[in-house]
Amino acid sequence: MKLGVLTVLLGSLSLDETCKYLKSVGVSQLEIGCGGYPGTAHADARKFLENPVLIDEFMATIHKYELEISAFACHGNPIHPNKEIAREYHEQFEAAILLAEKVGVKTIVGFSGCPGDCETSQYPNWVVAAWPNEYQEVKEWQWTEKLIPYWKKMSKFANDHGVTKIALELHPGFCVYNTSTLLALREAVGETIGANVDPSHLFWQGMDPVMVIRSLKGAIHHFHAKDTAIDPYITAVNGVLDTPRLSEMSDRPWLFRTVGYGHGEEVWRNILSELRKVGYDGVISIEHEDGYMTSKEGLEKAIELLKRTIIFDSQQTEMYWA
C-alpha cells in the first residue's frame, strides 16, 4: 500500500508548494480535485483540456517532486433533478475522465448522485425509509430511470477513454451510501463501478469498516483515511440522523475527525489489515475535515499514525515459518 493525500486540504497553497510540503512529510501519492465539490485549486479539468500547456506544467510540477497521481476527485451530483445543476456536474466529471486519459490516471473518485422523485423535481430526494410504501416507489423510479442508465453511460465513456475505475464514495445523501447499494449498482452496471471506502461515513451510520471491506472484496477501487467521533450523549437523545450544520460542532451527534481522534490505533490496524486480506494494495488517501485542527496539524497527525499502521511492503509470499 502507499500513503496519499486528497490535496483539497492544501488548496490555499500552490501546486508546487503543496507537492514540496507533501514530499517532505513522506507522502508519495496525490488525489487531486479537478471539479465538483472538491474544487479546482490544483487542477481544473475543463481549463486544462482547453489549454494543454497547463497539463504539461501540472505534470512537470508533480514529476519534479517524484510524486504520483492516485486518482482525480470530482465528487458531485450529475443526476441532480435540476437539469442545469446536473449538467454542470456531468460536464465536470466527463472532463475529469478526459484529463485522466491524457495523463494516464485510471481512477476517478466521486458520488453516485441522487435524483428527485419525479421529472419535475427541483431538489434531490434521498430515500432511506422503507415505509410508507411510496418511498419504495420513488426508490425504484430513481434507480431504474436515472441512476443505472447514467452510470451505464458513464462507465462506457470512462472505458473508452482508458479510465477503468469509477470509485463511488459510500456517502449518505446519495443513492449509493452503504454496502448493499454499492454492490447493487455494480451488479447493474459492471465492474468499472467500485467503492471509495471512507470509514468516517461508515462509523456514524453504525457500520463496521472491517466487515464492509470484507463484503466488498474485489470491489474496492480507492480508500479514504478519515475518522469520525460519535458523541454518546447527544446520540442517546437525538440519534445519529439529527441535522445541525457541520459547523455547529458542539450540537452534533458525530463529527469528522483526523485519523486516530475518533477511533484508536487498534481499530485502524484492523481496517488496514482487512484491506490487505481482501487483496487491496492501493493508496490510503488522507482526507482532512477536522474542525478542531488546522489542515497541516490534522494531516501530520494522520500521517504519523498511518505510517505505523499501513502495510507498505508487498504481501509475504514465502512463509519460512510455515
C-alpha atoms as a PDB file:
ATOM      1  CA  MET A   1       0.000   0.000   0.000  1.00  0.00           C
ATOM      2  CA  LYS A   2       1.023   3.623  -0.469  1.00  0.00           C
ATOM      3  CA  LEU A   3       0.377   6.771   1.543  1.00  0.00           C
ATOM      4  CA  GLY A   4      -1.533   9.514  -0.225  1.00  0.00           C
ATOM      5  CA  VAL A   5      -3.471  12.711   0.394  1.00  0.00           C
ATOM      6  CA  LEU A   6      -6.534  14.338  -1.108  1.00  0.00           C
ATOM      7  CA  THR A   7      -4.846  17.670  -1.758  1.00  0.00           C
ATOM      8  CA  VAL A   8      -8.021  19.747  -1.315  1.00  0.00           C
ATOM      9  CA  LEU A   9      -6.996  20.391   2.298  1.00  0.00           C
ATOM     10  CA  LEU A  10      -3.995  22.354   0.989  1.00  0.00           C
ATOM     11  CA  GLY A  11      -5.983  24.393  -1.506  1.00  0.00           C
ATOM     12  CA  SER A  12      -4.592  27.664  -0.181  1.00  0.00           C
ATOM     13  CA  LEU A  13      -1.132  26.600  -1.377  1.00  0.00           C
ATOM     14  CA  SER A  14       0.069  26.466  -4.959  1.00  0.00           C
ATOM     15  CA  LEU A  15       0.586  23.075  -6.546  1.00  0.00           C
ATOM     16  CA  ASP A  16       4.354  23.490  -6.243  1.00  0.00           C
ATOM     17  CA  GLU A  17       4.101  24.409  -2.547  1.00  0.00           C
ATOM     18  CA  THR A  18       1.727  21.509  -1.955  1.00  0.00           C
ATOM     19  CA  CYS A  19       3.980  18.969  -3.638  1.00  0.00           C
ATOM     20  CA  LYS A  20       7.075  20.228  -1.834  1.00  0.00           C
ATOM     21  CA  TYR A  21       5.358  20.019   1.544  1.00  0.00           C
ATOM     22  CA  LEU A  22       3.809  16.579   0.971  1.00  0.00           C
ATOM     23  CA  LYS A  23       7.113  15.183  -0.240  1.00  0.00           C
ATOM     24  CA  SER A  24       8.762  16.466   2.953  1.00  0.00           C
ATOM     25  CA  VAL A  25       6.268  14.621   5.198  1.00  0.00           C
ATOM     26  CA  GLY A  26       6.583  11.287   3.400  1.00  0.00           C
ATOM     27  CA  VAL A  27       3.571  11.277   1.080  1.00  0.00           C
ATOM     28  CA  SER A  28       4.016   9.658  -2.338  1.00  0.00           C
ATOM     29  CA  GLN A  29       0.521   9.747  -3.870  1.00  0.00           C
ATOM     30  CA  LEU A  30      -1.755  12.659  -4.750  1.00  0.00           C
ATOM     31  CA  GLU A  31      -5.522  12.511  -5.130  1.00  0.00           C
ATOM     32  CA  ILE A  32      -6.300  15.793  -6.844  1.00  0.00           C
ATOM     33  CA  GLY A  33      -9.623  17.577  -7.024  1.00  0.00           C
ATOM     34  CA  CYS A  34     -10.369  18.761 -10.537  1.00  0.00           C
ATOM     35  CA  GLY A  35     -14.052  19.709 -10.320  1.00  0.00           C
ATOM     36  CA  GLY A  36     -17.269  19.247  -8.375  1.00  0.00           C
ATOM     37  CA  TYR A  37     -17.316  19.653  -4.603  1.00  0.00           C
ATOM     38  CA  PRO A  38     -13.517  19.183  -4.246  1.00  0.00           C
ATOM     39  CA  GLY A  39     -12.998  22.289  -6.363  1.00  0.00           C
ATOM     40  CA  THR A  40     -10.198  23.135  -8.745  1.00  0.00           C
ATOM     41  CA  ALA A  41      -7.435  24.651  -6.594  1.00  0.00           C
ATOM     42  CA  HIS A  42      -4.720  22.405  -8.061  1.00  0.00           C
ATOM     43  CA  ALA A  43      -6.325  21.251 -11.309  1.00  0.00           C
ATOM     44  CA  ASP A  44      -9.276  22.466 -13.357  1.00  0.00           C
ATOM     45  CA  ALA A  45     -10.059  19.669 -15.791  1.00  0.00           C
ATOM     46  CA  ARG A  46     -12.046  21.801 -18.206  1.00  0.00           C
ATOM     47  CA  LYS A  47      -9.484  24.606 -18.336  1.00  0.00           C
ATOM     48  CA  PHE A  48      -6.652  22.108 -18.711  1.00  0.00           C
ATOM     49  CA  LEU A  49      -8.370  20.474 -21.672  1.00  0.00           C
ATOM     50  CA  GLU A  50      -8.838  23.848 -23.338  1.00  0.00           C
ATOM     51  CA  ASN A  51      -5.160  24.719 -22.824  1.00  0.00           C
ATOM     52  CA  PRO A  52      -2.896  21.621 -22.957  1.00  0.00           C
ATOM     53  CA  VAL A  53       0.125  23.687 -21.882  1.00  0.00           C
ATOM     54  CA  LEU A  54      -1.441  23.752 -18.409  1.00  0.00           C
ATOM     55  CA  ILE A  55      -1.405  19.946 -18.366  1.00  0.00           C
ATOM     56  CA  ASP A  56       2.296  19.906 -19.205  1.00  0.00           C
ATOM     57  CA  GLU A  57       3.068  22.406 -16.435  1.00  0.00           C
ATOM     58  CA  PHE A  58       0.898  20.456 -13.978  1.00  0.00           C
ATOM     59  CA  MET A  59       2.635  17.147 -14.670  1.00  0.00           C
ATOM     60  CA  ALA A  60       6.084  18.750 -14.660  1.00  0.00           C
ATOM     61  CA  THR A  61       5.478  20.001 -11.128  1.00  0.00           C
ATOM     62  CA  ILE A  62       4.345  16.587  -9.912  1.00  0.00           C
ATOM     63  CA  HIS A  63       7.296  14.832 -11.537  1.00  0.00           C
ATOM     64  CA  LYS A  64       9.668  17.444 -10.112  1.00  0.00           C
ATOM     65  CA  TYR A  65       8.911  16.091  -6.646  1.00  0.00           C
ATOM     66  CA  GLU A  66       8.781  12.444  -7.776  1.00  0.00           C
ATOM     67  CA  LEU A  67       5.112  12.111  -6.802  1.00  0.00           C
ATOM     68  CA  GLU A  68       2.314  10.149  -8.482  1.00  0.00           C
ATOM     69  CA  ILE A  69      -1.388  10.815  -9.043  1.00  0.00           C
ATOM     70  CA  SER A  70      -3.519   8.080  -7.488  1.00  0.00           C
ATOM     71  CA  ALA A  71      -6.844   9.494  -8.677  1.00  0.00           C
ATOM     72  CA  PHE A  72      -8.731  12.584  -9.713  1.00  0.00           C
ATOM     73  CA  ALA A  73     -11.555  13.589  -7.368  1.00  0.00           C
ATOM     74  CA  CYS A  74     -14.686  15.020  -8.941  1.00  0.00           C
ATOM     75  CA  HIS A  75     -17.497  14.484  -6.446  1.00  0.00           C
ATOM     76  CA  GLY A  76     -20.847  15.929  -7.466  1.00  0.00           C
ATOM     77  CA  ASN A  77     -24.455  15.123  -8.267  1.00  0.00           C
ATOM     78  CA  PRO A  78     -24.642  14.517 -12.023  1.00  0.00           C
ATOM     79  CA  ILE A  79     -28.226  13.215 -11.747  1.00  0.00           C
ATOM     80  CA  HIS A  80     -29.484  16.211  -9.776  1.00  0.00           C
ATOM     81  CA  PRO A  81     -33.157  16.886 -10.628  1.00  0.00           C
ATOM     82  CA  ASN A  82     -32.329  20.471 -11.563  1.00  0.00           C
ATOM     83  CA  LYS A  83     -31.096  19.914 -15.102  1.00  0.00           C
ATOM     84  CA  GLU A  84     -28.695  22.870 -15.110  1.00  0.00           C
ATOM     85  CA  ILE A  85     -27.035  21.694 -11.912  1.00  0.00           C
ATOM     86  CA  ALA A  86     -26.877  18.128 -13.227  1.00  0.00           C
ATOM     87  CA  ARG A  87     -25.327  19.292 -16.491  1.00  0.00           C
ATOM     88  CA  GLU A  88     -22.613  21.242 -14.667  1.00  0.00           C
ATOM     89  CA  TYR A  89     -21.613  18.259 -12.516  1.00  0.00           C
ATOM     90  CA  HIS A  90     -21.797  15.901 -15.507  1.00  0.00           C
ATOM     91  CA  GLU A  91     -19.562  18.095 -17.658  1.00  0.00           C
ATOM     92  CA  GLN A  92     -17.004  18.348 -14.874  1.00  0.00           C
ATOM     93  CA  PHE A  93     -16.999  14.577 -14.354  1.00  0.00           C
ATOM     94  CA  GLU A  94     -16.650  13.980 -18.077  1.00  0.00           C
ATOM     95  CA  ALA A  95     -13.751  16.433 -18.204  1.00  0.00           C
ATOM     96  CA  ALA A  96     -12.092  14.631 -15.265  1.00  0.00           C
ATOM     97  CA  ILE A  97     -12.158  11.410 -17.293  1.00  0.00           C
ATOM     98  CA  LEU A  98     -10.678  13.107 -20.348  1.00  0.00           C
ATOM     99  CA  LEU A  99      -7.932  14.698 -18.244  1.00  0.00           C
ATOM    100  CA  ALA A 100      -7.194  11.318 -16.647  1.00  0.00           C
ATOM    101  CA  GLU A 101      -6.823   9.813 -20.114  1.00  0.00           C
ATOM    102  CA  LYS A 102      -4.221  12.400 -21.071  1.00  0.00           C
ATOM    103  CA  VAL A 103      -2.021  11.803 -18.006  1.00  0.00           C
ATOM    104  CA  GLY A 104      -2.532   8.052 -17.562  1.00  0.00           C
ATOM    105  CA  VAL A 105      -4.694   8.084 -14.419  1.00  0.00           C
ATOM    106  CA  LYS A 106      -7.069   5.121 -14.165  1.00  0.00           C
ATOM    107  CA  THR A 107      -9.297   6.114 -11.222  1.00  0.00           C
ATOM    108  CA  ILE A 108     -11.905   8.833 -10.733  1.00  0.00           C
ATOM    109  CA  VAL A 109     -13.440   9.293  -7.279  1.00  0.00           C
ATOM    110  CA  GLY A 110     -16.950  10.681  -6.913  1.00  0.00           C
ATOM    111  CA  PHE A 111     -20.506  10.312  -5.671  1.00  0.00           C
ATOM    112  CA  SER A 112     -23.310   8.300  -7.240  1.00  0.00           C
ATOM    113  CA  GLY A 113     -25.622  11.295  -7.148  1.00  0.00           C
ATOM    114  CA  CYS A 114     -29.258  11.477  -6.115  1.00  0.00           C
ATOM    115  CA  PRO A 115     -32.220  12.482  -8.294  1.00  0.00           C
ATOM    116  CA  GLY A 116     -35.586  13.847  -7.228  1.00  0.00           C
ATOM    117  CA  ASP A 117     -38.773  11.833  -7.009  1.00  0.00           C
ATOM    118  CA  CYS A 118     -40.166  12.681 -10.455  1.00  0.00           C
ATOM    119  CA  GLU A 119     -39.266  14.508 -13.664  1.00  0.00           C
ATOM    120  CA  THR A 120     -40.434  17.892 -12.333  1.00  0.00           C
ATOM    121  CA  SER A 121     -38.496  17.797  -9.047  1.00  0.00           C
ATOM    122  CA  GLN A 122     -36.047  20.575  -8.242  1.00  0.00           C
ATOM    123  CA  TYR A 123     -34.333  19.039  -5.212  1.00  0.00           C
ATOM    124  CA  PRO A 124     -32.836  15.589  -4.535  1.00  0.00           C
ATOM    125  CA  ASN A 125     -34.907  13.090  -2.566  1.00  0.00           C
ATOM    126  CA  TRP A 126     -32.727  10.690  -0.587  1.00  0.00           C
ATOM    127  CA  VAL A 127     -34.838   7.642   0.208  1.00  0.00           C
ATOM    128  CA  VAL A 128     -33.910   5.861   3.444  1.00  0.00           C
ATOM    129  CA  ALA A 129     -37.378   4.949   4.735  1.00  0.00           C
ATOM    130  CA  ALA A 130     -38.911   1.559   3.895  1.00  0.00           C
ATOM    131  CA  TRP A 131     -42.432   2.763   4.735  1.00  0.00           C
ATOM    132  CA  PRO A 132     -44.855   4.334   3.788  1.00  0.00           C
ATOM    133  CA  ASN A 133     -44.785   2.398   0.553  1.00  0.00           C
ATOM    134  CA  GLU A 134     -44.489   5.426  -1.733  1.00  0.00           C
ATOM    135  CA  TYR A 135     -40.827   5.673  -0.695  1.00  0.00           C
ATOM    136  CA  GLN A 136     -40.213   2.279  -2.267  1.00  0.00           C
ATOM    137  CA  GLU A 137     -41.865   3.514  -5.464  1.00  0.00           C
ATOM    138  CA  VAL A 138     -39.641   6.598  -5.500  1.00  0.00           C
ATOM    139  CA  LYS A 139     -36.522   4.492  -4.992  1.00  0.00           C
ATOM    140  CA  GLU A 140     -37.463   2.127  -7.825  1.00  0.00           C
ATOM    141  CA  TRP A 141     -38.029   5.080 -10.175  1.00  0.00           C
ATOM    142  CA  GLN A 142     -34.720   6.696  -9.196  1.00  0.00           C
ATOM    143  CA  TRP A 143     -32.682   3.572  -9.836  1.00  0.00           C
ATOM    144  CA  THR A 144     -34.459   2.413 -12.988  1.00  0.00           C
ATOM    145  CA  GLU A 145     -34.910   5.742 -14.725  1.00  0.00           C
ATOM    146  CA  LYS A 146     -31.920   7.796 -13.533  1.00  0.00           C
ATOM    147  CA  LEU A 147     -29.137   6.114 -11.588  1.00  0.00           C
ATOM    148  CA  ILE A 148     -28.484   2.927 -13.560  1.00  0.00           C
ATOM    149  CA  PRO A 149     -28.843   4.483 -17.048  1.00  0.00           C
ATOM    150  CA  TYR A 150     -26.495   7.335 -16.155  1.00  0.00           C
ATOM    151  CA  TRP A 151     -23.730   5.150 -14.759  1.00  0.00           C
ATOM    152  CA  LYS A 152     -24.000   2.666 -17.616  1.00  0.00           C
ATOM    153  CA  LYS A 153     -23.349   5.539 -19.995  1.00  0.00           C
ATOM    154  CA  MET A 154     -20.519   6.987 -17.927  1.00  0.00           C
ATOM    155  CA  SER A 155     -18.835   3.616 -17.378  1.00  0.00           C
ATOM    156  CA  LYS A 156     -18.682   3.103 -21.127  1.00  0.00           C
ATOM    157  CA  PHE A 157     -17.380   6.642 -21.623  1.00  0.00           C
ATOM    158  CA  ALA A 158     -14.706   6.059 -18.980  1.00  0.00           C
ATOM    159  CA  ASN A 159     -13.613   2.750 -20.505  1.00  0.00           C
ATOM    160  CA  ASP A 160     -13.482   4.295 -23.962  1.00  0.00           C
ATOM    161  CA  HIS A 161     -11.002   6.827 -22.574  1.00  0.00           C
ATOM    162  CA  GLY A 162      -8.786   4.499 -20.574  1.00  0.00           C
ATOM    163  CA  VAL A 163     -10.343   5.002 -17.126  1.00  0.00           C
ATOM    164  CA  THR A 164     -11.071   1.598 -15.617  1.00  0.00           C
ATOM    165  CA  LYS A 165     -12.219   2.538 -12.105  1.00  0.00           C
ATOM    166  CA  ILE A 166     -15.021   4.830 -11.016  1.00  0.00           C
ATOM    167  CA  ALA A 167     -14.725   4.834  -7.222  1.00  0.00           C
ATOM    168  CA  LEU A 168     -18.038   5.902  -5.714  1.00  0.00           C
ATOM    169  CA  GLU A 169     -17.879   7.048  -2.110  1.00  0.00           C
ATOM    170  CA  LEU A 170     -20.423   5.428   0.202  1.00  0.00           C
ATOM    171  CA  HIS A 171     -21.943   8.721   1.293  1.00  0.00           C
ATOM    172  CA  PRO A 172     -25.332   9.481   2.887  1.00  0.00           C
ATOM    173  CA  GLY A 173     -27.444  11.863   0.842  1.00  0.00           C
ATOM    174  CA  PHE A 174     -26.757   9.923  -2.358  1.00  0.00           C
ATOM    175  CA  CYS A 175     -28.214   6.724  -3.793  1.00  0.00           C
ATOM    176  CA  VAL A 176     -25.022   4.772  -3.071  1.00  0.00           C
ATOM    177  CA  TYR A 177     -24.369   5.163   0.647  1.00  0.00           C
ATOM    178  CA  ASN A 178     -23.736   1.679   2.043  1.00  0.00           C
ATOM    179  CA  THR A 179     -22.520  -1.781   1.065  1.00  0.00           C
ATOM    180  CA  SER A 180     -25.734  -3.105  -0.468  1.00  0.00           C
ATOM    181  CA  THR A 181     -26.372  -0.026  -2.628  1.00  0.00           C
ATOM    182  CA  LEU A 182     -22.807  -0.052  -3.979  1.00  0.00           C
ATOM    183  CA  LEU A 183     -22.999  -3.725  -4.837  1.00  0.00           C
ATOM    184  CA  ALA A 184     -26.445  -3.308  -6.427  1.00  0.00           C
ATOM    185  CA  LEU A 185     -25.187  -0.574  -8.750  1.00  0.00           C
ATOM    186  CA  ARG A 186     -22.030  -2.546  -9.554  1.00  0.00           C
ATOM    187  CA  GLU A 187     -24.138  -5.588 -10.457  1.00  0.00           C
ATOM    188  CA  ALA A 188     -26.384  -3.482 -12.685  1.00  0.00           C
ATOM    189  CA  VAL A 189     -23.609  -1.505 -14.396  1.00  0.00           C
ATOM    190  CA  GLY A 190     -20.431  -3.576 -14.270  1.00  0.00           C
ATOM    191  CA  GLU A 191     -17.029  -3.741 -12.605  1.00  0.00           C
ATOM    192  CA  THR A 192     -15.945  -0.257 -13.613  1.00  0.00           C
ATOM    193  CA  ILE A 193     -18.117   0.818 -10.686  1.00  0.00           C
ATOM    194  CA  GLY A 194     -16.464   0.193  -7.341  1.00  0.00           C
ATOM    195  CA  ALA A 195     -16.186   1.664  -3.873  1.00  0.00           C
ATOM    196  CA  ASN A 196     -14.214   4.505  -2.433  1.00  0.00           C
ATOM    197  CA  VAL A 197     -14.241   3.201   1.133  1.00  0.00           C
ATOM    198  CA  ASP A 198     -14.228   6.035   3.665  1.00  0.00           C
ATOM    199  CA  PRO A 199     -14.602   4.720   7.232  1.00  0.00           C
ATOM    200  CA  SER A 200     -15.785   8.093   8.523  1.00  0.00           C
ATOM    201  CA  HIS A 201     -19.167   7.716   6.811  1.00  0.00           C
ATOM    202  CA  LEU A 202     -19.427   4.085   7.864  1.00  0.00           C
ATOM    203  CA  PHE A 203     -18.740   4.774  11.539  1.00  0.00           C
ATOM    204  CA  TRP A 204     -21.603   7.215  12.034  1.00  0.00           C
ATOM    205  CA  GLN A 205     -24.065   5.011  10.170  1.00  0.00           C
ATOM    206  CA  GLY A 206     -23.296   2.224  12.647  1.00  0.00           C
ATOM    207  CA  MET A 207     -21.373   0.094  10.162  1.00  0.00           C
ATOM    208  CA  ASP A 208     -18.164  -1.820  10.890  1.00  0.00           C
ATOM    209  CA  PRO A 209     -15.496  -0.821   8.333  1.00  0.00           C
ATOM    210  CA  VAL A 210     -13.775  -4.207   8.666  1.00  0.00           C
ATOM    211  CA  MET A 211     -16.969  -6.071   7.761  1.00  0.00           C
ATOM    212  CA  VAL A 212     -17.730  -3.614   4.956  1.00  0.00           C
ATOM    213  CA  ILE A 213     -14.270  -4.151   3.472  1.00  0.00           C
ATOM    214  CA  ARG A 214     -14.719  -7.910   3.739  1.00  0.00           C
ATOM    215  CA  SER A 215     -18.113  -7.700   1.997  1.00  0.00           C
ATOM    216  CA  LEU A 216     -16.659  -5.523  -0.780  1.00  0.00           C
ATOM    217  CA  LYS A 217     -13.776  -7.846  -1.618  1.00  0.00           C
ATOM    218  CA  GLY A 218     -12.817  -7.262  -5.255  1.00  0.00           C
ATOM    219  CA  ALA A 219     -14.941  -4.119  -5.490  1.00  0.00           C
ATOM    220  CA  ILE A 220     -12.718  -1.597  -3.670  1.00  0.00           C
ATOM    221  CA  HIS A 221     -11.224   0.926  -6.074  1.00  0.00           C
ATOM    222  CA  HIS A 222      -9.925   3.526  -3.616  1.00  0.00           C
ATOM    223  CA  PHE A 223      -9.690   4.301   0.106  1.00  0.00           C
ATOM    224  CA  HIS A 224     -10.048   7.497   2.123  1.00  0.00           C
ATOM    225  CA  ALA A 225      -8.461   7.705   5.572  1.00  0.00           C
ATOM    226  CA  LYS A 226     -10.788   9.830   7.678  1.00  0.00           C
ATOM    227  CA  ASP A 227     -12.240   9.268  11.134  1.00  0.00           C
ATOM    228  CA  THR A 228     -15.467  10.086  12.964  1.00  0.00           C
ATOM    229  CA  ALA A 229     -16.064  10.715  16.657  1.00  0.00           C
ATOM    230  CA  ILE A 230     -19.545   9.960  17.955  1.00  0.00           C
ATOM    231  CA  ASP A 231     -20.884  11.910  20.950  1.00  0.00           C
ATOM    232  CA  PRO A 232     -22.705   9.258  23.024  1.00  0.00           C
ATOM    233  CA  TYR A 233     -24.762  11.810  24.977  1.00  0.00           C
ATOM    234  CA  ILE A 234     -26.160  13.723  22.009  1.00  0.00           C
ATOM    235  CA  THR A 235     -26.681  10.471  20.124  1.00  0.00           C
ATOM    236  CA  ALA A 236     -28.576   8.993  23.064  1.00  0.00           C
ATOM    237  CA  VAL A 237     -31.000  11.935  22.935  1.00  0.00           C
ATOM    238  CA  ASN A 238     -31.348  12.672  19.197  1.00  0.00           C
ATOM    239  CA  GLY A 239     -29.753   9.750  17.332  1.00  0.00           C
ATOM    240  CA  VAL A 240     -27.212   9.980  14.529  1.00  0.00           C
ATOM    241  CA  LEU A 241     -29.677  11.395  11.978  1.00  0.00           C
ATOM    242  CA  ASP A 242     -30.018  14.748  13.756  1.00  0.00           C
ATOM    243  CA  THR A 243     -29.006  17.538  11.361  1.00  0.00           C
ATOM    244  CA  PRO A 244     -27.218  20.521  12.946  1.00  0.00           C
ATOM    245  CA  ARG A 245     -24.853  22.063  10.413  1.00  0.00           C
ATOM    246  CA  LEU A 246     -21.332  20.634  10.305  1.00  0.00           C
ATOM    247  CA  SER A 247     -20.062  23.933  11.722  1.00  0.00           C
ATOM    248  CA  GLU A 248     -22.297  23.587  14.821  1.00  0.00           C
ATOM    249  CA  MET A 249     -19.847  21.144  16.318  1.00  0.00           C
ATOM    250  CA  SER A 250     -20.989  21.245  19.954  1.00  0.00           C
ATOM    251  CA  ASP A 251     -24.551  20.281  18.942  1.00  0.00           C
ATOM    252  CA  ARG A 252     -23.790  17.408  16.606  1.00  0.00           C
ATOM    253  CA  PRO A 253     -24.144  13.689  17.420  1.00  0.00           C
ATOM    254  CA  TRP A 254     -20.998  12.980  15.409  1.00  0.00           C
ATOM    255  CA  LEU A 255     -18.070  14.881  13.939  1.00  0.00           C
ATOM    256  CA  PHE A 256     -15.441  14.126  11.322  1.00  0.00           C
ATOM    257  CA  ARG A 257     -12.006  13.862  12.955  1.00  0.00           C
ATOM    258  CA  THR A 258      -8.493  13.240  11.778  1.00  0.00           C
ATOM    259  CA  VAL A 259      -7.332   9.619  11.864  1.00  0.00           C
ATOM    260  CA  GLY A 260      -6.979   8.367  15.428  1.00  0.00           C
ATOM    261  CA  TYR A 261      -9.175  11.015  17.056  1.00  0.00           C
ATOM    262  CA  GLY A 262     -12.431   9.097  16.618  1.00  0.00           C
ATOM    263  CA  HIS A 263     -11.126   5.547  16.870  1.00  0.00           C
ATOM    264  CA  GLY A 264      -7.828   4.321  18.230  1.00  0.00           C
ATOM    265  CA  GLU A 265      -4.823   2.815  16.551  1.00  0.00           C
ATOM    266  CA  GLU A 266      -6.013  -0.774  17.032  1.00  0.00           C
ATOM    267  CA  VAL A 267      -9.163  -0.028  15.024  1.00  0.00           C
ATOM    268  CA  TRP A 268      -7.074   1.402  12.199  1.00  0.00           C
ATOM    269  CA  ARG A 269      -4.673  -1.558  12.321  1.00  0.00           C
ATOM    270  CA  ASN A 270      -7.645  -3.891  11.864  1.00  0.00           C
ATOM    271  CA  ILE A 271      -9.031  -1.832   8.970  1.00  0.00           C
ATOM    272  CA  LEU A 272      -5.721  -1.763   7.124  1.00  0.00           C
ATOM    273  CA  SER A 273      -5.091  -5.458   7.756  1.00  0.00           C
ATOM    274  CA  GLU A 274      -8.520  -6.289   6.356  1.00  0.00           C
ATOM    275  CA  LEU A 275      -7.700  -4.294   3.227  1.00  0.00           C
ATOM    276  CA  ARG A 276      -4.619  -6.465   2.768  1.00  0.00           C
ATOM    277  CA  LYS A 277      -6.681  -9.609   3.447  1.00  0.00           C
ATOM    278  CA  VAL A 278      -9.144  -8.818   0.629  1.00  0.00           C
ATOM    279  CA  GLY A 279      -6.317  -8.013  -1.798  1.00  0.00           C
ATOM    280  CA  TYR A 280      -6.412  -4.222  -1.813  1.00  0.00           C
ATOM    281  CA  ASP A 281      -2.878  -2.930  -2.322  1.00  0.00           C
ATOM    282  CA  GLY A 282      -3.684   0.591  -3.448  1.00  0.00           C
ATOM    283  CA  VAL A 283      -3.470   4.050  -1.963  1.00  0.00           C
ATOM    284  CA  ILE A 284      -4.518   5.109   1.535  1.00  0.00           C
ATOM    285  CA  SER A 285      -5.561   8.676   0.773  1.00  0.00           C
ATOM    286  CA  ILE A 286      -5.912  11.003   3.762  1.00  0.00           C
ATOM    287  CA  GLU A 287      -8.910  13.341   3.736  1.00  0.00           C
ATOM    288  CA  HIS A 288      -8.917  16.084   6.367  1.00  0.00           C
ATOM    289  CA  GLU A 289     -12.230  17.513   7.621  1.00  0.00           C
ATOM    290  CA  ASP A 290     -11.467  18.020  11.329  1.00  0.00           C
ATOM    291  CA  GLY A 291     -12.851  21.311  12.618  1.00  0.00           C
ATOM    292  CA  TYR A 292     -10.665  21.241  15.711  1.00  0.00           C
ATOM    293  CA  MET A 293      -7.334  21.197  13.875  1.00  0.00           C
ATOM    294  CA  THR A 294      -5.646  23.162  11.145  1.00  0.00           C
ATOM    295  CA  SER A 295      -5.175  21.245   7.930  1.00  0.00           C
ATOM    296  CA  LYS A 296      -1.450  20.759   8.442  1.00  0.00           C
ATOM    297  CA  GLU A 297      -1.724  19.637  12.055  1.00  0.00           C
ATOM    298  CA  GLY A 298      -4.562  17.234  11.283  1.00  0.00           C
ATOM    299  CA  LEU A 299      -2.726  15.888   8.265  1.00  0.00           C
ATOM    300  CA  GLU A 300       0.546  15.380  10.094  1.00  0.00           C
ATOM    301  CA  LYS A 301      -1.155  13.587  12.992  1.00  0.00           C
ATOM    302  CA  ALA A 302      -2.883  11.294  10.482  1.00  0.00           C
ATOM    303  CA  ILE A 303       0.404  10.638   8.690  1.00  0.00           C
ATOM    304  CA  GLU A 304       2.107   9.800  11.983  1.00  0.00           C
ATOM    305  CA  LEU A 305      -0.498   7.147  12.838  1.00  0.00           C
ATOM    306  CA  LEU A 306      -0.811   5.741   9.336  1.00  0.00           C
ATOM    307  CA  LYS A 307       2.938   5.336   8.914  1.00  0.00           C
ATOM    308  CA  ARG A 308       2.754   2.925  11.853  1.00  0.00           C
ATOM    309  CA  THR A 309      -0.311   1.050  10.621  1.00  0.00           C
ATOM    310  CA  ILE A 310      -0.195   0.909   6.805  1.00  0.00           C
ATOM    311  CA  ILE A 311       1.258  -2.315   5.431  1.00  0.00           C
ATOM    312  CA  PHE A 312       3.621  -0.824   2.889  1.00  0.00           C
ATOM    313  CA  ASP A 313       5.540  -3.836   1.562  1.00  0.00           C
ATOM    314  CA  SER A 314       4.111  -6.351  -0.869  1.00  0.00           C
ATOM    315  CA  GLN A 315       2.428  -9.301   0.782  1.00  0.00           C
ATOM    316  CA  GLN A 316       4.644 -12.047   2.160  1.00  0.00           C
ATOM    317  CA  THR A 317       4.726 -14.808  -0.452  1.00  0.00           C
ATOM    318  CA  GLU A 318       7.091 -17.267   1.182  1.00  0.00           C
ATOM    319  CA  MET A 319       6.275 -18.104   4.790  1.00  0.00           C
ATOM    320  CA  TYR A 320       9.563 -19.528   6.044  1.00  0.00           C
ATOM    321  CA  TRP A 321       7.861 -20.428   9.316  1.00  0.00           C
ATOM    322  CA  ALA A 322       5.072 -22.492   7.716  1.00  0.00           C
END
